[in-house]
Amino acid sequence: MRAYRALLPALVVLASCSNPGVGSSAQGLPEPTKAPPSSATALKTSFAPVVKKAAPAVVNVSSRRTVRQRVDPFWDFFSGGGVPRERMQQSLGSGAIVRADGVILTNNHNIEGADEVMVQLADRREFSAKVLLADPRSDLAVLKIDVGGEKLPVIAIDDHEQLEVGDLVLAIGNPFGVGQTVTNGIVSATARSSVGITDFSFFIQTDAAINPGNSGGPLVDMDGDLVGVNTAILSRSGTSSGVGFAVPAQMARQVVGAALGGADAVVRPWLGARTQPVTSDIARSLGLAAPRGVLVADVWPGGAAARAGIAQGDVILEIDGKAVSDDSGVAYYFGGKRPGQTVAVKLLQDGRESSVGVRAEPAPGKVAGGLEVQGRNPLQGALVAQLSPALAEAQGIDPFIGKGIVVLKVSGGGIAAQVGLRPGDFIRGINGREIRTESDVTQALSQTGRRWSVTIERGGQQITSNFSL
């Protein structure tokens, strides 16, 4: 179960109020597009038609995985390690059927590392599920159950819905395993970022009551369409406190589309620019009346932004007509486009506003690979690789932190862990040899001897350590 402070996974379904707008007599105010209930009778209007449309497509998702642990403190004390024993760990969440042949959308943390995934439909039938695609970066996963030629009830993904703060929402899921439950609330905030839940922190916030077991279900509007997938709640008690977060439907559609296209990973466009929020001081220095947009702090040479003419010191104001105020907004609005699209980016350059077209394309370089270091040397047990923007994106690393060979993983039983090597360290030198490529690592470690000198870069500082092995 994922935690953020006392953060617990949750399922939320947002509902957008779609009543026709009414006129405003306030001078200078825009015409509202939505209206509150007009009478006491209207307040008694039931959500039942919406629930009847959406609820049949909401499912329970359960998973099991075997974990090994030491449970004998006596042997741990005397021998430094107890007898490993296995136990079964279970996870319970929710999901939504998004295609009639049994394609289901849920949270990745519901099924991560599972040996077995089961889906229970609203009519209580159970099916074994196959994971078509898991995307930890968005905490979404797509499952498939075999229902033969049967057509299941589905819920449509509505990523065109313009949610506004105050819109009604419904949460449909299976809290605490008690069975399908419906709660309602409002959209408390949109574009909520910097909450530290996923790499793409750009959430819909709602006050609908959601609890453990709700994770992964649909977020529906008043038309009964999915507008998001609830992922977590902020709570000190472990139960709902009225602060829930849902992944927007745009990201859900992107993950489902990748899964149905046969991909084993989601390929997202990468702008190729490192940005930072525009503070009050930065706004004054740029002549802005108020802080707006994000400042371009660095540009990747030859990347999409650089080729479009975006340069260090520019301010990105909007992406495809959507205002941005932090790096999460840039990653969400640009990363949600289809590769090959031309995206309109509004800029402030040299004090003047302009718009450029940026081609949406994946980050360059290899996504996977690397060198698993073997042999008796200080890097034994480490996975190292040439850092590229694509690899950095896949690993959740800032691609602008440096170039060269970076440590991706350190196994617990290797010498690298013993000497204090950490993921994110750059290997800059081995026994006086400069390290730039994986081949340099292989050649430097091929020598024999007991004495080693290794130079790493960590947090912008270089450290050289000597070892006798």
Foldseek 3Di string as FASTA:
>chain_A
DDQQLNKAWWWWAFAFAQDAWDADPDPPDDTDRHDDDPDPVSVPDDLVVLCVQQVQFKKKKKFKAKDWDFDDVVCCVVPVGHDIDIDIDMAIAMWGAAFFQFKIKFFLVRYPRGPWMWIAGLVRDIFTWDWLEHAQQLRMTIIGGGPDPGGGRGAHQDQPDDFDFFGKWKQWWQAPNPHTDIWMWTFHDFQDAPSPDHNLGTWTWWQTWIAGNHGTYFHYHSVNHGQWTWTMAHDPVRGRPRTTTTGGSLVVVQNVVCSVVRHHYRFFFDQQFDWAFQQQVNCVVLVHPHTFAIFGQQGHPPGQNVVQPNGHGKGWQDKQNHGDGGPSVVCVRRRSDDQQDWIWIWIQDPNDIDITTTGGDGFDDDQDDFDQDPDPDLRHQWTKAFQGPNNCVNLVHDSPPDTAIFTQDGDPPTNNVVVPNDGGKHWQDKPRQGGHHPVSVVVSVVDDAQKIWTWIADPNDIDIDIGGD
